Amino acid sequence: MCKLSPADSKGPGESRSRLKEGAAAIFLLVTAIVLFACGPQASSPTTPPTGMANKTTIILGAYTTPREAYGKLIPLFQHQWKDKTGQDVEFQESYLGSGAQSRAVVGGFEADLVALSLEADVNRIGDAGLITHDWKSKGAGGMVSNSIVVFAVREGNPKNIKDWKDLTRQGLEILTPDPASSGGAQWNVMAAWGAAKRGFVDGYAPEDDNAARQFLKDVFKNVTVLDKGARESIINFEMGVGDVAITYENEVLVAHRAGQKYDYVIPRSTILIENPIAVVDSNVDRHGTREVAEAFRDFLLTPEAQTVFAEYGLRSIDTTVAKRTQAQYPPVQDLFLIEDVGGWKTVTSTFFGPDGIFTKLLEQVQAEK
């Protein structure tokens, strides 16, 4: 059986320190080629229970931030599936920035299941004809977990970062991923844009596109590193780079579990990050893995699995679990949705297309540096 090398795909139980060694070495093209080569050997056709093979393999293509949660969820599912069917399930896992992962699947990486940062990245796979079912009919509109955009700051918050306006301060060093490869980065941009438009950035007129555009420009003048993904960005921050990192709340909470001491700030206005999951029809049908892939997706929506996501800093989509764990998540004064700033179908082209608002703005900022 073809195996992934450590540089291509790390196991889910590895420590954050281990991740630091390889974070900068992941190259999308190499990953896609290696995993694609593994595809035909990776999955045994699943037959009815009476003649089920003793072992099958499914390939999970995910964005980087929930890998620790999957490190606990996958063994739970493997045990349950074994008890139910007598079959062993092997997982091959790939973790990349959400946009990079999505493009890898479109380019030939044969993931059976994708767990990505944002809806637009699943839509890309659907638009390529690889997802043919209504993936939004499962879970909370196709979503498996939630988070919010926050600011990671040094212990004690020495720069006294309190809200969005503080990110425009001259001399501040900010980290955020690159929207070209990271779904987290796109969430960060839209959180900043939405906060400005909704009147929560002092000194910038509300409901004014030009003012919101200027605010984004003023923030990105201070961005010193654009990493490939949210995980790479926060690891750089943990290594001492920058004063503040715009990131997922769950990234910081996972870091706290691992012993990191930095703090985080929730701005008055921020966006609800909604993370989708979908079975990739063309690949599960090719591999004969639809039954087990759909079972794993459905397992991730159960209260048991949602409780695990909550343990790793993700806000649950299950109302009962969310209520039970709400004490660990501070409230947000103004929590808005991507639909409040146009929805991904509009946002993807309007902000991040070749002539998009943010694409052009970033070009201007980089030209002026």
Protein backbone atom coordinates (compact mmCIF):
# COMPACT_ATOMS: atom_id res chain seq x y z
CA MET A 1 0.00 0.00 0.00
CA CYS A 2 1.25 3.43 -0.87
CA LYS A 3 2.04 5.47 2.26
CA LEU A 4 2.39 9.20 2.71
CA SER A 5 5.75 10.51 3.75
CA PRO A 6 5.92 12.74 6.86
CA ALA A 7 6.43 15.79 4.68
CA ASP A 8 3.21 15.10 2.81
CA SER A 9 0.77 14.40 5.63
CA LYS A 10 1.33 14.40 9.38
CA GLY A 11 -0.55 12.07 11.72
CA PRO A 12 -3.33 13.72 13.75
CA GLY A 13 -1.80 13.00 17.15
CA GLU A 14 1.45 14.85 16.62
CA SER A 15 2.31 17.71 18.93
CA ARG A 16 2.30 21.35 17.91
CA SER A 17 6.08 21.41 18.29
CA ARG A 18 6.32 18.61 15.75
CA LEU A 19 4.11 20.61 13.38
CA LYS A 20 6.51 23.52 13.57
CA GLU A 21 9.28 21.44 12.00
CA GLY A 22 7.36 20.82 8.80
CA ALA A 23 4.88 23.66 8.50
CA ALA A 24 6.96 25.67 6.04
CA ALA A 25 7.82 22.59 3.94
CA ILE A 26 4.35 21.64 2.69
CA PHE A 27 4.05 22.25 -1.01
CA LEU A 28 0.61 21.90 -2.58
CA LEU A 29 1.81 20.38 -5.84
CA VAL A 30 3.90 17.68 -4.19
CA THR A 31 1.09 16.86 -1.78
CA ALA A 32 -1.50 16.58 -4.53
CA ILE A 33 0.76 14.38 -6.71
CA VAL A 34 1.73 12.02 -3.89
CA LEU A 35 -1.79 11.64 -2.58
CA PHE A 36 -3.20 11.24 -6.07
CA ALA A 37 -0.68 8.46 -6.68
CA CYS A 38 -1.87 6.79 -3.50
CA GLY A 39 -5.52 7.09 -4.47
CA PRO A 40 -6.13 3.90 -6.44
CA GLN A 41 -4.43 1.71 -3.81
CA ALA A 42 -5.86 3.65 -0.86
CA SER A 43 -9.39 2.28 -0.80
CA SER A 44 -10.84 -1.19 -1.04
CA PRO A 45 -14.34 -1.45 -2.50
CA THR A 46 -16.92 -1.71 0.25
CA THR A 47 -19.29 -4.65 -0.24
CA PRO A 48 -22.49 -5.44 1.68
CA PRO A 49 -21.92 -6.51 5.32
CA THR A 50 -22.19 -10.22 4.50
CA GLY A 51 -19.14 -9.99 2.28
CA MET A 52 -17.47 -6.87 3.63
CA ALA A 53 -13.71 -6.68 3.26
CA ASN A 54 -11.77 -6.81 6.51
CA LYS A 55 -10.28 -3.36 5.89
CA THR A 56 -11.04 -0.22 3.95
CA THR A 57 -9.36 3.17 3.66
CA ILE A 58 -10.86 6.62 3.35
CA ILE A 59 -8.97 9.78 2.51
CA LEU A 60 -9.71 12.94 4.48
CA GLY A 61 -8.75 16.29 2.97
CA ALA A 62 -9.05 18.96 5.65
CA TYR A 63 -8.01 22.49 6.47
CA THR A 64 -5.28 22.83 9.06
CA THR A 65 -6.86 24.09 12.26
CA PRO A 66 -9.01 21.14 13.46
CA ARG A 67 -6.35 18.45 13.10
CA GLU A 68 -6.05 17.91 16.86
CA ALA A 69 -9.81 17.38 17.11
CA TYR A 70 -9.65 14.81 14.31
CA GLY A 71 -6.82 13.13 16.20
CA LYS A 72 -9.40 12.21 18.85
CA LEU A 73 -12.47 11.80 16.61
CA ILE A 74 -10.98 9.36 14.12
CA PRO A 75 -10.13 6.64 16.69
CA LEU A 76 -13.60 7.00 18.23
CA PHE A 77 -15.21 6.39 14.83
CA GLN A 78 -12.85 3.53 13.97
CA HIS A 79 -13.84 1.74 17.18
CA GLN A 80 -17.57 2.26 16.60
CA TRP A 81 -17.38 1.16 12.96
CA LYS A 82 -15.44 -1.96 13.91
CA ASP A 83 -18.05 -2.85 16.53
CA LYS A 84 -20.89 -2.26 14.05
CA THR A 85 -19.49 -3.94 10.93
CA GLY A 86 -16.40 -5.91 11.92
CA GLN A 87 -14.40 -3.85 9.44
CA ASP A 88 -11.21 -1.89 10.15
CA VAL A 89 -11.03 1.63 8.69
CA GLU A 90 -7.70 3.24 7.90
CA PHE A 91 -7.61 7.02 7.45
CA GLN A 92 -5.18 8.83 5.19
CA GLU A 93 -5.20 12.49 6.20
CA SER A 94 -4.03 15.63 4.46
CA TYR A 95 -4.07 19.06 6.12
CA LEU A 96 -3.58 22.23 4.08
CA GLY A 97 -4.95 25.73 3.93
CA SER A 98 -8.60 25.39 2.93
CA GLY A 99 -8.25 27.02 -0.49
CA ALA A 100 -5.14 24.99 -1.27
CA GLN A 101 -6.87 21.78 -0.20
CA SER A 102 -9.90 22.57 -2.34
CA ARG A 103 -7.76 23.23 -5.41
CA ALA A 104 -5.82 20.02 -4.77
CA VAL A 105 -9.06 18.00 -4.89
CA VAL A 106 -10.12 19.71 -8.12
CA GLY A 107 -6.63 19.04 -9.47
CA GLY A 108 -6.77 15.29 -8.80
CA PHE A 109 -6.25 14.60 -5.08
CA GLU A 110 -8.81 11.84 -4.50
CA ALA A 111 -10.20 12.83 -1.09
CA ASP A 112 -13.30 10.87 -0.12
CA LEU A 113 -14.32 13.53 2.35
CA VAL A 114 -13.43 17.21 2.63
CA ALA A 115 -13.62 19.24 5.86
CA LEU A 116 -12.83 22.80 4.87
CA SER A 117 -12.86 26.30 6.30
CA LEU A 118 -15.55 27.88 4.18
CA GLU A 119 -18.43 27.11 1.86
CA ALA A 120 -16.78 28.66 -1.18
CA ASP A 121 -14.05 26.00 -1.12
CA VAL A 122 -16.61 23.18 -1.17
CA ASN A 123 -18.47 24.98 -3.95
CA ARG A 124 -15.29 24.98 -6.02
CA ILE A 125 -15.23 21.17 -5.82
CA GLY A 126 -18.92 21.01 -6.65
CA ASP A 127 -18.51 23.34 -9.60
CA ALA A 128 -15.87 20.94 -10.95
CA GLY A 129 -18.52 18.20 -10.96
CA LEU A 130 -16.93 16.16 -8.16
CA ILE A 131 -19.69 16.74 -5.58
CA THR A 132 -23.10 16.03 -7.06
CA HIS A 133 -25.41 15.63 -4.04
CA ASP A 134 -26.92 18.40 -1.91
CA TRP A 135 -24.13 18.53 0.67
CA LYS A 136 -25.92 21.35 2.51
CA SER A 137 -28.75 18.99 3.49
CA LYS A 138 -26.63 17.50 6.28
CA GLY A 139 -25.84 19.06 9.64
CA ALA A 140 -26.41 22.79 10.07
CA GLY A 141 -26.62 23.62 6.37
CA GLY A 142 -23.66 21.38 5.64
CA MET A 143 -21.59 22.80 8.49
CA VAL A 144 -19.77 20.66 11.05
CA SER A 145 -18.30 23.32 13.39
CA ASN A 146 -18.16 27.04 14.13
CA SER A 147 -15.63 29.53 15.41
CA ILE A 148 -15.03 33.31 15.38
CA VAL A 149 -12.26 35.65 14.25
CA VAL A 150 -10.16 36.91 17.16
CA PHE A 151 -6.77 38.54 17.85
CA ALA A 152 -3.99 36.46 19.41
CA VAL A 153 -1.80 38.78 21.52
CA ARG A 154 1.26 38.34 23.69
CA GLU A 155 0.76 37.32 27.31
CA GLY A 156 -0.59 40.26 29.27
CA ASN A 157 -1.46 42.07 26.02
CA PRO A 158 1.53 44.47 26.21
CA LYS A 159 0.42 46.36 23.07
CA ASN A 160 -3.00 46.95 24.67
CA ILE A 161 -4.93 45.63 21.68
CA LYS A 162 -8.65 45.99 22.41
CA ASP A 163 -10.49 46.29 19.08
CA TRP A 164 -10.14 46.53 15.30
CA LYS A 165 -9.00 50.17 15.28
CA ASP A 166 -5.90 49.22 17.28
CA LEU A 167 -4.66 47.12 14.35
CA THR A 168 -4.07 50.31 12.33
CA ARG A 169 -1.49 51.64 14.80
CA GLN A 170 1.78 52.58 13.14
CA GLY A 171 4.58 50.13 13.85
CA LEU A 172 2.36 47.22 14.89
CA GLU A 173 3.38 43.87 13.39
CA ILE A 174 0.41 41.71 12.36
CA LEU A 175 0.25 38.12 11.13
CA THR A 176 -2.61 36.69 9.05
CA PRO A 177 -2.67 33.96 6.38
CA ASP A 178 -2.79 34.58 2.65
CA PRO A 179 -6.36 34.63 1.21
CA ALA A 180 -5.02 33.04 -1.97
CA SER A 181 -4.47 29.75 -0.12
CA SER A 182 -6.24 30.05 3.23
CA GLY A 183 -9.93 30.08 4.04
CA GLY A 184 -9.05 31.48 7.45
CA ALA A 185 -7.51 34.50 5.79
CA GLN A 186 -10.72 35.17 3.87
CA TRP A 187 -12.71 34.97 7.09
CA ASN A 188 -10.28 37.47 8.64
CA VAL A 189 -10.72 39.93 5.78
CA MET A 190 -14.49 39.71 5.85
CA ALA A 191 -14.57 40.06 9.64
CA ALA A 192 -12.62 43.32 9.34
CA TRP A 193 -14.74 44.56 6.44
CA GLY A 194 -18.00 43.70 8.19
CA ALA A 195 -16.95 45.34 11.47
CA ALA A 196 -16.15 48.57 9.62
CA LYS A 197 -19.35 48.55 7.59
CA ARG A 198 -21.41 47.88 10.72
CA GLY A 199 -19.93 50.88 12.54
CA PHE A 200 -17.62 49.11 14.99
CA VAL A 201 -14.30 50.63 13.87
CA ASP A 202 -13.78 54.06 15.40
CA GLY A 203 -12.76 56.73 12.91
CA TYR A 204 -14.19 54.99 9.85
CA ALA A 205 -17.69 55.90 8.64
CA PRO A 206 -20.23 53.05 8.85
CA GLU A 207 -22.06 51.77 5.77
CA ASP A 208 -19.35 53.29 3.59
CA ASP A 209 -17.46 51.04 1.16
CA ASN A 210 -14.65 53.54 0.71
CA ALA A 211 -14.17 53.85 4.46
CA ALA A 212 -14.15 50.06 4.87
CA ARG A 213 -11.67 49.75 2.01
CA GLN A 214 -9.39 52.33 3.65
CA PHE A 215 -9.62 50.49 6.96
CA LEU A 216 -8.55 47.22 5.34
CA LYS A 217 -5.66 49.01 3.68
CA ASP A 218 -4.55 50.55 6.98
CA VAL A 219 -4.61 47.15 8.67
CA PHE A 220 -2.71 45.36 5.92
CA LYS A 221 -0.01 48.01 5.90
CA ASN A 222 0.95 46.45 9.24
CA VAL A 223 0.82 42.81 8.08
CA THR A 224 4.39 41.52 8.05
CA VAL A 225 3.81 37.86 7.11
CA LEU A 226 1.19 36.19 4.90
CA ASP A 227 1.43 32.46 5.61
CA LYS A 228 -0.12 29.67 3.55
CA GLY A 229 -2.62 28.69 6.22
CA ALA A 230 -4.03 29.59 9.61
CA ARG A 231 -1.97 26.92 11.37
CA GLU A 232 1.29 28.13 9.84
CA SER A 233 0.40 31.68 10.81
CA ILE A 234 -0.25 30.90 14.46
CA ILE A 235 2.87 28.73 14.68
CA ASN A 236 4.92 31.69 13.46
CA PHE A 237 3.29 33.79 16.17
CA GLU A 238 4.16 31.15 18.76
CA MET A 239 7.77 31.29 17.59
CA GLY A 240 7.88 34.99 18.52
CA VAL A 241 7.06 36.64 15.20
CA GLY A 242 4.75 39.67 15.33
CA ASP A 243 2.71 41.48 17.95
CA VAL A 244 -0.73 40.16 17.05
CA ALA A 245 -2.19 37.40 14.87
CA ILE A 246 -5.66 37.60 13.35
CA THR A 247 -6.87 34.03 13.68
CA TYR A 248 -9.55 31.52 14.61
CA GLU A 249 -10.59 31.42 18.26
CA ASN A 250 -10.08 27.66 18.29
CA GLU A 251 -6.44 28.03 17.22
CA VAL A 252 -5.74 29.94 20.43
CA LEU A 253 -7.73 27.53 22.60
CA VAL A 254 -5.89 24.53 21.13
CA ALA A 255 -2.61 26.33 21.83
CA HIS A 256 -3.66 26.83 25.44
CA ARG A 257 -4.26 23.07 25.72
CA ALA A 258 -0.70 22.56 24.49
CA GLY A 259 0.73 24.90 27.13
CA GLN A 260 1.08 28.12 25.15
CA LYS A 261 0.70 31.23 27.32
CA TYR A 262 -0.42 33.97 24.98
CA ASP A 263 -3.83 35.64 25.28
CA TYR A 264 -6.58 36.54 22.85
CA VAL A 265 -8.96 39.43 22.34
CA ILE A 266 -12.49 39.23 20.94
CA PRO A 267 -13.30 42.46 19.08
CA ARG A 268 -16.70 44.05 19.65
CA SER A 269 -17.80 42.97 16.18
CA THR A 270 -16.66 39.77 14.51
CA ILE A 271 -17.88 37.12 12.08
CA LEU A 272 -19.18 33.63 12.78
CA ILE A 273 -16.86 31.19 11.04
CA GLU A 274 -18.87 28.26 9.65
CA ASN A 275 -16.88 25.18 8.61
CA PRO A 276 -18.39 22.77 6.04
CA ILE A 277 -17.96 19.06 5.49
CA ALA A 278 -18.88 17.11 2.36
CA VAL A 279 -18.51 13.67 0.81
CA VAL A 280 -16.84 13.87 -2.61
CA ASP A 281 -19.17 11.78 -4.76
CA SER A 282 -16.88 11.05 -7.67
CA ASN A 283 -14.11 9.77 -5.39
CA VAL A 284 -16.18 7.64 -3.02
CA ASP A 285 -17.89 6.01 -5.99
CA ARG A 286 -14.54 5.35 -7.62
CA HIS A 287 -13.07 3.91 -4.41
CA GLY A 288 -16.19 2.10 -3.24
CA THR A 289 -16.09 3.99 0.07
CA ARG A 290 -19.40 5.87 0.08
CA GLU A 291 -20.92 3.92 2.98
CA VAL A 292 -18.04 4.47 5.37
CA ALA A 293 -17.40 8.08 4.27
CA GLU A 294 -21.04 9.01 4.82
CA ALA A 295 -21.01 7.21 8.17
CA PHE A 296 -17.98 9.23 9.30
CA ARG A 297 -19.62 12.47 8.19
CA ASP A 298 -22.78 11.57 10.09
CA PHE A 299 -20.74 10.61 13.16
CA LEU A 300 -19.14 14.07 13.19
CA LEU A 301 -22.60 15.60 13.55
CA THR A 302 -23.50 13.57 16.64
CA PRO A 303 -23.48 15.10 20.16
CA GLU A 304 -20.52 12.86 21.03
CA ALA A 305 -18.39 14.20 18.20
CA GLN A 306 -19.62 17.76 18.69
CA THR A 307 -18.49 17.57 22.31
CA VAL A 308 -15.00 16.68 21.10
CA PHE A 309 -14.98 19.64 18.71
CA ALA A 310 -15.95 21.84 21.67
CA GLU A 311 -13.05 20.42 23.70
CA TYR A 312 -10.72 21.66 20.98
CA GLY A 313 -12.06 25.20 20.88
CA LEU A 314 -14.70 24.92 18.16
CA ARG A 315 -18.17 26.27 18.89
CA SER A 316 -20.67 23.44 18.41
CA ILE A 317 -23.41 23.40 15.78
CA ASP A 318 -25.43 21.12 18.07
CA THR A 319 -27.72 23.34 20.17
CA THR A 320 -27.59 21.04 23.20
CA VAL A 321 -23.80 20.80 23.16
CA ALA A 322 -23.50 24.54 22.49
CA LYS A 323 -25.65 25.31 25.52
CA ARG A 324 -23.71 22.90 27.72
CA THR A 325 -20.33 24.37 26.70
CA GLN A 326 -21.26 28.04 26.36
CA ALA A 327 -19.44 29.01 29.57
CA GLN A 328 -16.07 28.35 27.91
CA TYR A 329 -16.80 30.76 25.06
CA PRO A 330 -17.05 34.49 25.84
CA PRO A 331 -20.02 36.28 24.26
CA VAL A 332 -19.64 38.61 21.27
CA GLN A 333 -21.27 42.03 21.25
CA ASP A 334 -21.97 42.01 17.50
CA LEU A 335 -21.69 38.57 15.89
CA PHE A 336 -22.58 38.61 12.20
CA LEU A 337 -22.76 36.06 9.38
CA ILE A 338 -21.14 35.89 5.97
CA GLU A 339 -24.62 36.47 4.52
CA ASP A 340 -24.59 39.88 6.21
CA VAL A 341 -21.70 40.94 3.96
CA GLY A 342 -23.04 39.38 0.75
CA GLY A 343 -22.59 35.60 1.11
CA TRP A 344 -19.73 33.54 -0.34
CA LYS A 345 -21.08 33.43 -3.90
CA THR A 346 -20.78 37.22 -4.03
CA VAL A 347 -17.80 37.65 -1.74
CA THR A 348 -15.52 35.18 -3.52
CA SER A 349 -15.45 37.12 -6.78
CA THR A 350 -16.10 40.62 -5.42
CA PHE A 351 -13.28 40.50 -2.88
CA PHE A 352 -10.89 37.71 -3.84
CA GLY A 353 -11.18 37.38 -7.63
CA PRO A 354 -8.45 38.71 -9.95
CA ASP A 355 -10.05 42.17 -9.90
CA GLY A 356 -11.54 41.85 -6.44
CA ILE A 357 -11.60 44.58 -3.81
CA PHE A 358 -9.11 42.86 -1.55
CA THR A 359 -6.92 41.55 -4.36
CA LYS A 360 -6.40 45.07 -5.72
CA LEU A 361 -6.02 46.55 -2.26
CA LEU A 362 -3.27 44.07 -1.35
CA GLU A 363 -1.45 44.83 -4.58
CA GLN A 364 -1.51 48.53 -3.66
CA VAL A 365 -0.22 47.87 -0.16
CA GLN A 366 2.61 45.68 -1.39
CA ALA A 367 3.56 48.20 -4.07
CA GLU A 368 3.77 50.97 -1.45
CA LYS A 369 5.99 49.02 0.96
